[in-house]
N, C-alpha and C. Protein backbone atom coordinates (compact mmCIF):
# COMPACT_ATOMS: atom_id res chain seq x y z
N UNK A 1 89.35 104.16 112.38
CA UNK A 1 88.40 103.15 111.44
C UNK A 1 87.33 103.78 111.19
N UNK A 2 86.54 104.62 112.02
CA UNK A 2 85.43 105.31 111.80
C UNK A 2 85.54 106.43 111.39
N UNK A 3 85.03 107.16 110.15
CA UNK A 3 85.32 108.44 109.54
C UNK A 3 84.01 108.85 109.29
N UNK A 4 83.98 110.10 108.88
CA UNK A 4 82.75 110.94 108.33
C UNK A 4 82.48 110.44 106.94
N UNK A 5 81.38 110.41 106.43
CA UNK A 5 80.94 110.46 104.92
C UNK A 5 81.44 111.41 104.18
N UNK A 6 82.12 111.41 103.25
CA UNK A 6 82.58 112.32 102.22
C UNK A 6 82.27 112.24 101.13
N UNK A 7 81.93 113.24 100.09
CA UNK A 7 81.50 113.28 98.64
C UNK A 7 82.25 112.34 97.89
N UNK A 8 83.45 111.81 98.12
CA UNK A 8 84.34 110.63 97.46
C UNK A 8 83.78 109.35 97.59
N UNK A 9 82.77 109.24 98.78
CA UNK A 9 82.16 108.01 99.22
C UNK A 9 80.83 107.96 98.50
N UNK A 10 80.49 108.83 98.20
CA UNK A 10 78.79 108.96 97.28
C UNK A 10 78.81 107.67 96.44
N UNK A 11 79.61 107.63 95.51
CA UNK A 11 79.49 106.53 94.49
C UNK A 11 79.18 105.06 94.85
N UNK A 12 80.44 105.06 95.78
CA UNK A 12 80.03 103.67 96.54
C UNK A 12 78.90 103.20 97.37
N UNK A 13 78.38 104.41 97.77
CA UNK A 13 77.02 103.98 98.94
C UNK A 13 76.09 103.83 97.64
N UNK A 14 75.78 104.92 96.78
CA UNK A 14 74.72 104.69 95.82
C UNK A 14 74.75 103.32 95.04
N UNK A 15 76.14 102.97 94.68
CA UNK A 15 76.22 101.46 94.36
C UNK A 15 75.46 100.27 94.95
N UNK A 16 76.16 100.53 96.56
CA UNK A 16 75.64 99.63 97.37
C UNK A 16 74.12 99.59 97.75
N UNK A 17 73.58 100.96 97.67
CA UNK A 17 71.99 100.91 97.78
C UNK A 17 71.38 100.30 96.98
N UNK A 18 72.06 100.52 95.70
CA UNK A 18 71.29 99.97 94.73
C UNK A 18 71.39 98.28 94.63
N UNK A 19 72.26 97.75 95.01
CA UNK A 19 72.44 96.61 95.12
C UNK A 19 71.51 95.89 96.41
N UNK A 20 71.09 96.64 97.18
CA UNK A 20 70.26 96.23 98.62
C UNK A 20 69.03 97.03 98.20
N UNK A 21 68.38 97.47 96.77
CA UNK A 21 67.32 98.52 97.16
C UNK A 21 66.08 97.67 97.21
N UNK A 22 66.11 96.21 97.35
CA UNK A 22 64.85 95.68 97.86
C UNK A 22 64.51 95.94 99.27
N UNK A 23 65.66 96.23 99.74
CA UNK A 23 65.38 96.49 101.15
C UNK A 23 65.34 97.65 101.85
N UNK A 24 65.96 98.69 100.85
CA UNK A 24 66.09 100.09 101.08
C UNK A 24 65.18 100.72 100.32
N UNK A 25 65.13 102.21 100.30
CA UNK A 25 64.49 103.09 99.47
C UNK A 25 65.51 103.21 98.40
N UNK A 26 64.78 103.49 97.15
CA UNK A 26 65.72 104.08 95.97
C UNK A 26 66.53 105.21 96.48
N UNK A 27 67.72 105.36 95.80
CA UNK A 27 68.56 106.70 96.21
C UNK A 27 69.41 106.94 95.12
N UNK A 28 69.43 108.53 94.67
CA UNK A 28 70.03 108.93 93.73
C UNK A 28 71.12 109.85 94.20
N UNK A 29 71.97 110.55 93.43
CA UNK A 29 73.03 111.48 93.95
C UNK A 29 72.43 112.41 94.67
N UNK A 30 71.53 113.14 93.91
CA UNK A 30 70.52 114.35 94.48
C UNK A 30 69.94 113.89 95.86
N UNK A 31 69.22 112.47 95.86
CA UNK A 31 68.55 112.23 97.00
C UNK A 31 69.59 112.14 98.47
N UNK A 32 70.81 111.32 97.77
CA UNK A 32 72.07 111.22 98.83
C UNK A 32 72.42 112.53 99.40
N UNK A 33 72.57 113.45 98.53
CA UNK A 33 72.88 114.89 98.84
C UNK A 33 72.00 115.28 100.01
N UNK A 34 70.72 115.39 99.66
CA UNK A 34 69.90 115.84 100.48
C UNK A 34 69.48 115.15 101.90
N UNK A 35 69.56 114.07 101.71
CA UNK A 35 69.79 113.01 103.02
C UNK A 35 71.06 113.57 104.13
N UNK A 36 72.06 113.86 103.41
CA UNK A 36 73.18 114.10 104.02
C UNK A 36 72.96 115.26 104.78
N UNK A 37 72.28 116.37 104.05
CA UNK A 37 72.37 117.72 104.62
C UNK A 37 71.06 117.29 106.36
N UNK A 38 70.39 116.17 105.90
CA UNK A 38 69.34 116.16 107.37
C UNK A 38 70.24 115.12 108.47
N UNK A 39 71.30 114.55 108.10
CA UNK A 39 71.82 113.65 109.09
C UNK A 39 72.57 114.48 110.18
N UNK A 40 72.40 113.82 111.06
CA UNK A 40 73.24 114.15 112.59
C UNK A 40 74.47 113.32 112.54
N UNK A 41 74.23 112.00 112.08
CA UNK A 41 75.35 111.11 111.97
C UNK A 41 75.59 110.58 110.55
N UNK A 42 76.78 110.59 110.04
CA UNK A 42 76.69 110.32 108.93
C UNK A 42 78.30 109.77 108.61
N UNK A 43 78.72 108.41 109.14
CA UNK A 43 79.57 107.98 109.26
C UNK A 43 80.01 106.55 108.30
N UNK A 44 81.22 106.10 108.17
CA UNK A 44 81.53 105.12 107.14
C UNK A 44 82.83 104.36 107.83
N UNK A 45 82.98 103.11 107.26
CA UNK A 45 84.00 102.52 107.85
C UNK A 45 85.01 102.01 106.33
N UNK A 46 86.35 101.87 106.33
CA UNK A 46 86.84 101.50 105.08
C UNK A 46 86.84 102.06 103.75
N UNK A 47 86.53 103.13 103.77
CA UNK A 47 86.58 104.02 102.68
C UNK A 47 85.06 103.64 101.95
N UNK A 48 83.99 103.41 102.91
CA UNK A 48 82.66 103.37 102.29
C UNK A 48 82.44 101.85 102.24
N UNK A 49 83.19 100.90 102.94
CA UNK A 49 82.64 99.67 102.81
C UNK A 49 81.40 99.30 103.69
N UNK A 50 81.23 100.24 104.61
CA UNK A 50 79.89 99.99 105.52
C UNK A 50 79.63 101.45 106.06
N UNK A 51 78.29 101.85 105.80
CA UNK A 51 77.90 103.18 106.04
C UNK A 51 76.92 103.22 106.90
N UNK A 52 76.53 104.23 107.58
CA UNK A 52 75.37 104.73 108.49
C UNK A 52 74.85 105.79 108.59
N UNK A 53 73.91 106.07 108.32
CA UNK A 53 73.07 107.65 108.01
C UNK A 53 71.80 107.67 109.02
N UNK A 54 71.92 108.34 109.97
CA UNK A 54 70.94 108.72 110.89
C UNK A 54 70.53 110.22 111.27
N UNK A 55 69.15 110.27 111.41
CA UNK A 55 68.46 111.35 111.64
C UNK A 55 68.08 111.80 112.82
N UNK A 56 68.04 112.79 113.54
CA UNK A 56 67.57 113.28 114.72
C UNK A 56 66.06 113.42 114.71
N UNK A 57 65.37 112.99 115.81
CA UNK A 57 63.93 112.93 115.84
C UNK A 57 63.33 114.51 115.74
N UNK A 58 64.03 115.37 115.92
CA UNK A 58 63.57 116.82 115.76
C UNK A 58 63.64 117.37 114.35
N UNK A 59 64.70 116.47 113.75
CA UNK A 59 64.48 117.11 112.29
C UNK A 59 62.96 116.99 111.39
N UNK A 60 63.09 118.05 110.77
CA UNK A 60 61.63 118.22 109.86
C UNK A 60 62.22 117.28 108.32
N UNK A 61 61.47 116.47 108.13
CA UNK A 61 61.28 116.19 106.80
C UNK A 61 60.11 115.85 106.22
N UNK A 62 59.96 116.18 104.94
CA UNK A 62 58.58 116.13 104.04
C UNK A 62 58.61 114.55 103.56
N UNK A 63 57.29 114.03 103.63
CA UNK A 63 57.42 112.70 103.05
C UNK A 63 58.38 111.69 103.57
N UNK A 64 58.59 111.53 104.70
CA UNK A 64 59.42 110.71 105.50
C UNK A 64 58.57 109.58 106.26
N UNK A 65 58.02 108.66 105.63
CA UNK A 65 56.92 108.08 106.10
C UNK A 65 57.45 107.07 107.51
N UNK A 66 58.74 106.38 107.33
CA UNK A 66 59.27 105.70 108.70
C UNK A 66 59.49 106.90 110.03
N UNK A 67 60.09 108.25 109.63
CA UNK A 67 60.35 109.26 110.72
C UNK A 67 58.82 109.46 111.16
N UNK A 68 57.99 109.93 110.22
CA UNK A 68 56.41 110.24 110.83
C UNK A 68 56.04 109.35 111.62
N UNK A 69 56.07 108.10 111.53
CA UNK A 69 55.53 106.88 112.11
C UNK A 69 56.12 106.80 113.82
N UNK A 70 57.58 106.90 113.46
CA UNK A 70 58.53 106.99 114.77
C UNK A 70 57.87 108.18 115.73
N UNK A 71 57.89 109.50 114.98
CA UNK A 71 57.72 110.81 115.65
C UNK A 71 56.49 110.79 116.56
N UNK A 72 55.45 110.03 115.78
CA UNK A 72 53.94 109.82 116.45
C UNK A 72 53.96 109.12 117.69
N UNK A 73 55.20 108.21 117.98
CA UNK A 73 55.01 107.43 118.92
C UNK A 73 56.03 107.27 120.03
N UNK A 74 57.24 108.00 119.51
CA UNK A 74 58.29 108.24 120.22
C UNK A 74 58.80 109.43 120.47
N UNK A 75 59.84 109.94 121.38
CA UNK A 75 60.60 111.25 121.39
C UNK A 75 61.72 110.82 121.67
N UNK A 76 62.52 112.10 121.32
CA UNK A 76 64.02 112.39 121.80
C UNK A 76 64.93 111.08 121.26
N UNK A 77 65.20 110.76 119.91
CA UNK A 77 65.66 109.67 119.49
C UNK A 77 66.22 109.94 118.09
N UNK A 78 67.30 109.05 117.68
CA UNK A 78 68.04 108.86 116.69
C UNK A 78 67.33 107.84 115.67
N UNK A 79 66.94 108.44 114.61
CA UNK A 79 66.38 107.28 113.61
C UNK A 79 67.55 106.75 112.55
N UNK A 80 67.53 105.81 112.39
CA UNK A 80 68.96 104.89 111.68
C UNK A 80 68.18 104.71 110.09
N UNK A 81 68.36 105.92 109.30
CA UNK A 81 67.64 106.04 108.07
C UNK A 81 68.22 104.68 107.13
N UNK A 82 69.69 104.56 107.20
CA UNK A 82 70.10 103.59 106.48
C UNK A 82 71.41 102.86 106.77
N UNK A 83 71.65 101.57 106.88
CA UNK A 83 73.10 101.23 107.34
C UNK A 83 72.89 100.35 106.10
N UNK A 84 74.31 100.26 105.48
CA UNK A 84 74.71 99.38 104.25
C UNK A 84 76.11 99.07 104.16
N UNK A 85 76.24 97.80 104.24
CA UNK A 85 77.57 96.99 104.37
C UNK A 85 77.59 96.44 103.18
N UNK A 86 78.70 96.57 102.29
CA UNK A 86 79.00 95.91 100.99
C UNK A 86 79.12 94.63 101.35
N UNK A 87 78.66 93.73 100.11
CA UNK A 87 78.42 91.93 99.90
C UNK A 87 79.98 91.60 100.64
N UNK A 88 80.96 92.21 100.10
CA UNK A 88 82.54 91.40 100.50
C UNK A 88 82.77 91.74 101.78
N UNK A 89 82.15 92.91 102.52
CA UNK A 89 82.40 93.28 103.97
C UNK A 89 81.41 92.76 104.93
N UNK A 90 80.67 92.04 104.65
CA UNK A 90 79.60 91.78 105.47
C UNK A 90 79.97 90.41 106.50
N UNK A 91 79.66 90.55 107.59
CA UNK A 91 80.10 89.29 108.54
C UNK A 91 81.45 89.66 109.29
N UNK A 92 82.00 91.02 108.85
CA UNK A 92 83.18 91.30 109.36
C UNK A 92 82.98 92.21 110.76
N UNK A 93 81.70 92.29 111.18
CA UNK A 93 81.60 93.09 112.59
C UNK A 93 81.48 95.02 112.10
N UNK A 94 81.26 95.12 110.84
CA UNK A 94 81.48 96.39 110.76
C UNK A 94 79.88 97.31 111.29
N UNK A 95 78.85 96.75 111.04
CA UNK A 95 77.29 96.99 111.48
C UNK A 95 77.57 97.48 112.85
N UNK A 96 77.94 96.34 113.56
CA UNK A 96 77.96 96.46 114.91
C UNK A 96 78.97 97.51 115.44
N UNK A 97 80.02 97.96 114.97
CA UNK A 97 81.03 98.56 115.46
C UNK A 97 80.29 100.23 114.90
N UNK A 98 79.52 100.16 113.94
CA UNK A 98 78.77 101.74 113.32
C UNK A 98 77.74 101.98 114.46
N UNK A 99 76.94 100.79 114.93
CA UNK A 99 75.93 100.91 115.74
C UNK A 99 76.41 101.27 117.28
N UNK A 100 77.53 100.78 117.58
CA UNK A 100 78.07 100.99 118.88
C UNK A 100 78.39 102.49 119.02
N UNK A 101 79.32 103.08 117.73
CA UNK A 101 79.33 104.15 117.74
C UNK A 101 78.39 105.36 117.80
N UNK A 102 77.38 105.01 117.00
CA UNK A 102 76.01 105.79 117.09
C UNK A 102 75.58 105.82 118.60
N UNK A 103 75.39 104.85 119.21
CA UNK A 103 74.91 104.73 120.38
C UNK A 103 75.75 105.58 121.51
N UNK A 104 77.01 105.77 121.42
CA UNK A 104 77.83 106.52 122.09
C UNK A 104 77.65 108.10 121.68
N UNK A 105 77.41 108.15 120.56
CA UNK A 105 77.22 109.46 120.11
C UNK A 105 75.90 110.14 120.38
N UNK A 106 74.85 109.15 120.35
CA UNK A 106 73.24 109.34 120.91
C UNK A 106 73.41 109.69 122.54
N UNK A 107 74.38 108.76 123.64
CA UNK A 107 74.43 109.03 124.66
C UNK A 107 75.14 110.65 124.84
N UNK A 108 76.15 110.66 124.17
CA UNK A 108 76.93 111.88 124.44
C UNK A 108 76.04 113.21 123.93
N UNK A 109 75.00 113.03 123.33
CA UNK A 109 74.40 114.65 122.71
C UNK A 109 72.76 114.41 123.55
N UNK A 110 72.46 113.46 124.40
CA UNK A 110 71.38 113.38 125.26
C UNK A 110 70.02 112.74 124.72
N UNK A 111 70.27 111.88 123.69
CA UNK A 111 69.17 111.15 123.11
C UNK A 111 68.76 110.16 123.88
N UNK A 112 67.72 109.51 124.03
CA UNK A 112 67.15 108.53 124.66
C UNK A 112 67.25 107.09 124.30
N UNK A 113 66.99 106.91 122.84
CA UNK A 113 67.01 105.98 122.32
C UNK A 113 67.70 105.94 120.34
N UNK A 114 67.76 104.91 120.26
CA UNK A 114 68.19 104.64 118.97
C UNK A 114 66.89 104.12 118.02
N UNK A 115 66.38 104.36 116.85
CA UNK A 115 65.29 103.60 116.65
C UNK A 115 65.50 103.23 114.98
N UNK A 116 64.80 102.46 114.38
CA UNK A 116 65.08 102.02 112.95
C UNK A 116 63.44 101.33 112.22
N UNK A 117 63.86 100.66 111.05
CA UNK A 117 62.73 99.74 110.95
C UNK A 117 63.62 99.00 109.67
N UNK A 118 62.79 97.66 109.78
CA UNK A 118 63.27 96.51 109.37
C UNK A 118 62.31 96.03 108.60
N UNK A 119 62.48 95.41 107.11
CA UNK A 119 61.54 94.87 106.21
C UNK A 119 60.89 93.78 106.58
N UNK A 120 59.79 93.54 106.56
CA UNK A 120 58.95 92.13 107.02
C UNK A 120 58.68 91.84 105.47
N UNK A 121 58.45 92.54 104.33
CA UNK A 121 58.09 92.47 103.05
C UNK A 121 58.66 93.19 102.21
N UNK A 122 59.99 92.79 101.38
CA UNK A 122 60.35 91.67 101.26
C UNK A 122 60.95 91.28 102.86
N UNK A 123 61.16 90.15 103.13
CA UNK A 123 61.70 89.89 104.33
C UNK A 123 63.26 90.09 104.39
N UNK A 124 63.72 90.27 105.54
CA UNK A 124 65.04 90.65 105.69
C UNK A 124 65.43 89.94 107.25
N UNK A 125 65.26 88.66 107.41
CA UNK A 125 65.54 87.89 108.52
C UNK A 125 66.90 88.11 109.21
N UNK A 126 67.72 88.41 108.39
CA UNK A 126 69.09 88.59 109.04
C UNK A 126 69.35 89.99 109.91
N UNK A 127 68.55 91.17 109.24
CA UNK A 127 68.22 92.35 109.87
C UNK A 127 67.72 92.32 111.11
N UNK A 128 66.43 91.58 111.03
CA UNK A 128 65.69 91.16 112.51
C UNK A 128 66.84 90.71 113.62
N UNK A 129 67.39 89.41 113.35
CA UNK A 129 68.36 89.14 114.06
C UNK A 129 69.48 89.73 114.49
N UNK A 130 69.84 90.42 113.52
CA UNK A 130 70.87 91.48 114.04
C UNK A 130 70.34 92.46 115.14
N UNK A 131 69.44 93.06 114.96
CA UNK A 131 68.59 94.13 115.82
C UNK A 131 68.37 93.54 117.13
N UNK A 132 67.74 92.55 117.07
CA UNK A 132 67.44 91.71 118.33
C UNK A 132 68.72 91.31 119.22
N UNK A 133 69.93 91.23 118.49
CA UNK A 133 70.91 90.85 119.29
C UNK A 133 71.85 91.93 119.82
N UNK A 134 71.43 93.27 119.11
CA UNK A 134 71.86 94.44 119.30
C UNK A 134 70.72 94.90 120.62
N UNK A 135 69.98 94.39 120.79
CA UNK A 135 69.22 95.00 122.00
C UNK A 135 68.19 95.78 121.88
N UNK A 136 67.60 95.58 120.68
CA UNK A 136 66.49 96.53 119.96
C UNK A 136 65.13 95.96 120.42
N UNK A 137 64.20 96.35 120.52
CA UNK A 137 62.69 95.75 120.74
C UNK A 137 61.87 96.14 119.66
N UNK A 138 60.91 95.67 119.55
CA UNK A 138 59.85 95.56 118.45
C UNK A 138 58.84 97.01 119.12
N UNK A 139 58.56 97.82 118.33
CA UNK A 139 57.71 99.02 118.68
C UNK A 139 56.19 98.83 117.77
N UNK A 140 56.21 98.22 116.69
CA UNK A 140 55.21 98.01 115.83
C UNK A 140 55.49 97.77 114.60
N UNK A 141 54.50 97.33 113.81
CA UNK A 141 54.73 97.15 112.13
C UNK A 141 53.74 98.13 111.33
N UNK A 142 54.18 98.12 110.28
CA UNK A 142 53.68 99.39 109.28
C UNK A 142 53.59 98.60 107.72
N UNK A 143 52.64 98.69 106.92
CA UNK A 143 52.51 98.42 106.00
C UNK A 143 52.19 99.73 104.82
N UNK A 144 53.38 99.82 103.96
CA UNK A 144 53.40 101.17 103.33
C UNK A 144 52.40 100.85 102.15
N UNK A 145 51.34 101.39 101.74
CA UNK A 145 50.50 101.45 101.04
C UNK A 145 51.07 101.55 99.29
N UNK A 146 51.97 102.37 99.07
CA UNK A 146 52.23 102.90 97.90
C UNK A 146 53.41 101.78 97.38
N UNK A 147 54.22 101.28 98.28
CA UNK A 147 55.45 100.55 97.88
C UNK A 147 55.06 99.00 97.89
N UNK A 148 54.11 98.39 98.67
CA UNK A 148 53.82 97.25 98.80
C UNK A 148 55.08 96.47 99.89
N UNK A 149 55.73 97.51 100.34
CA UNK A 149 56.77 96.77 101.77
C UNK A 149 55.86 96.98 103.02
N UNK A 150 56.34 96.14 103.62
CA UNK A 150 55.74 96.21 105.26
C UNK A 150 57.34 96.19 106.00
N UNK A 151 57.14 96.76 107.17
CA UNK A 151 58.48 96.88 108.06
C UNK A 151 57.56 96.64 109.63
N UNK A 152 59.00 96.55 110.36
CA UNK A 152 58.92 96.50 111.72
C UNK A 152 59.80 97.58 112.24
N UNK A 153 59.02 98.47 113.36
CA UNK A 153 60.10 99.43 113.80
C UNK A 153 60.49 98.87 114.76
N UNK A 154 61.70 99.49 115.37
CA UNK A 154 62.45 98.97 116.52
C UNK A 154 63.20 99.96 117.16
N UNK A 155 63.45 99.88 118.65
CA UNK A 155 64.07 101.01 119.29
C UNK A 155 64.86 100.34 120.41
N UNK A 156 65.60 101.05 120.60
CA UNK A 156 66.73 100.46 121.46
C UNK A 156 67.01 101.54 122.77
N UNK A 157 66.91 101.27 123.90
CA UNK A 157 67.10 102.24 125.07
C UNK A 157 68.61 102.88 124.93
N UNK A 158 68.95 104.17 125.28
CA UNK A 158 70.42 104.71 125.24
C UNK A 158 70.71 104.87 127.17
N UNK A 159 69.83 104.91 127.73
CA UNK A 159 69.96 105.33 129.22
C UNK A 159 69.72 103.97 129.90
């Protein structure tokens, strides 16, 4: 059911990202290819109906505000850069399945926690609820000065 993301999934991922760009950062093909080279975890379900891209805390990335914020306050984590579930696939449990798989991957590879951010502005209450149900706890909030977005950072212990 869960498989690695492959280049044949890129078009679908880019279309899903565009559909939810108000909660995600914009992404084009070159950006997706660059992001994929930084990912420690890049998996999908159903031919790209749901995707999760995650980066290890030790990864060096220039101009990644969220990863920089988390690194200054947290160690030995996996950062969930983006999880996208296509509109028709929402409510089918795909995000939970991917998060469980990522947690198992993180434990097997010695990471202490999973981290992510969820928009406060524009508000994404469904994602906040999801992360709280997944036993994430809030780490702090940040206002992005150049985008007008505000986020809340979350972490979930793996040990």
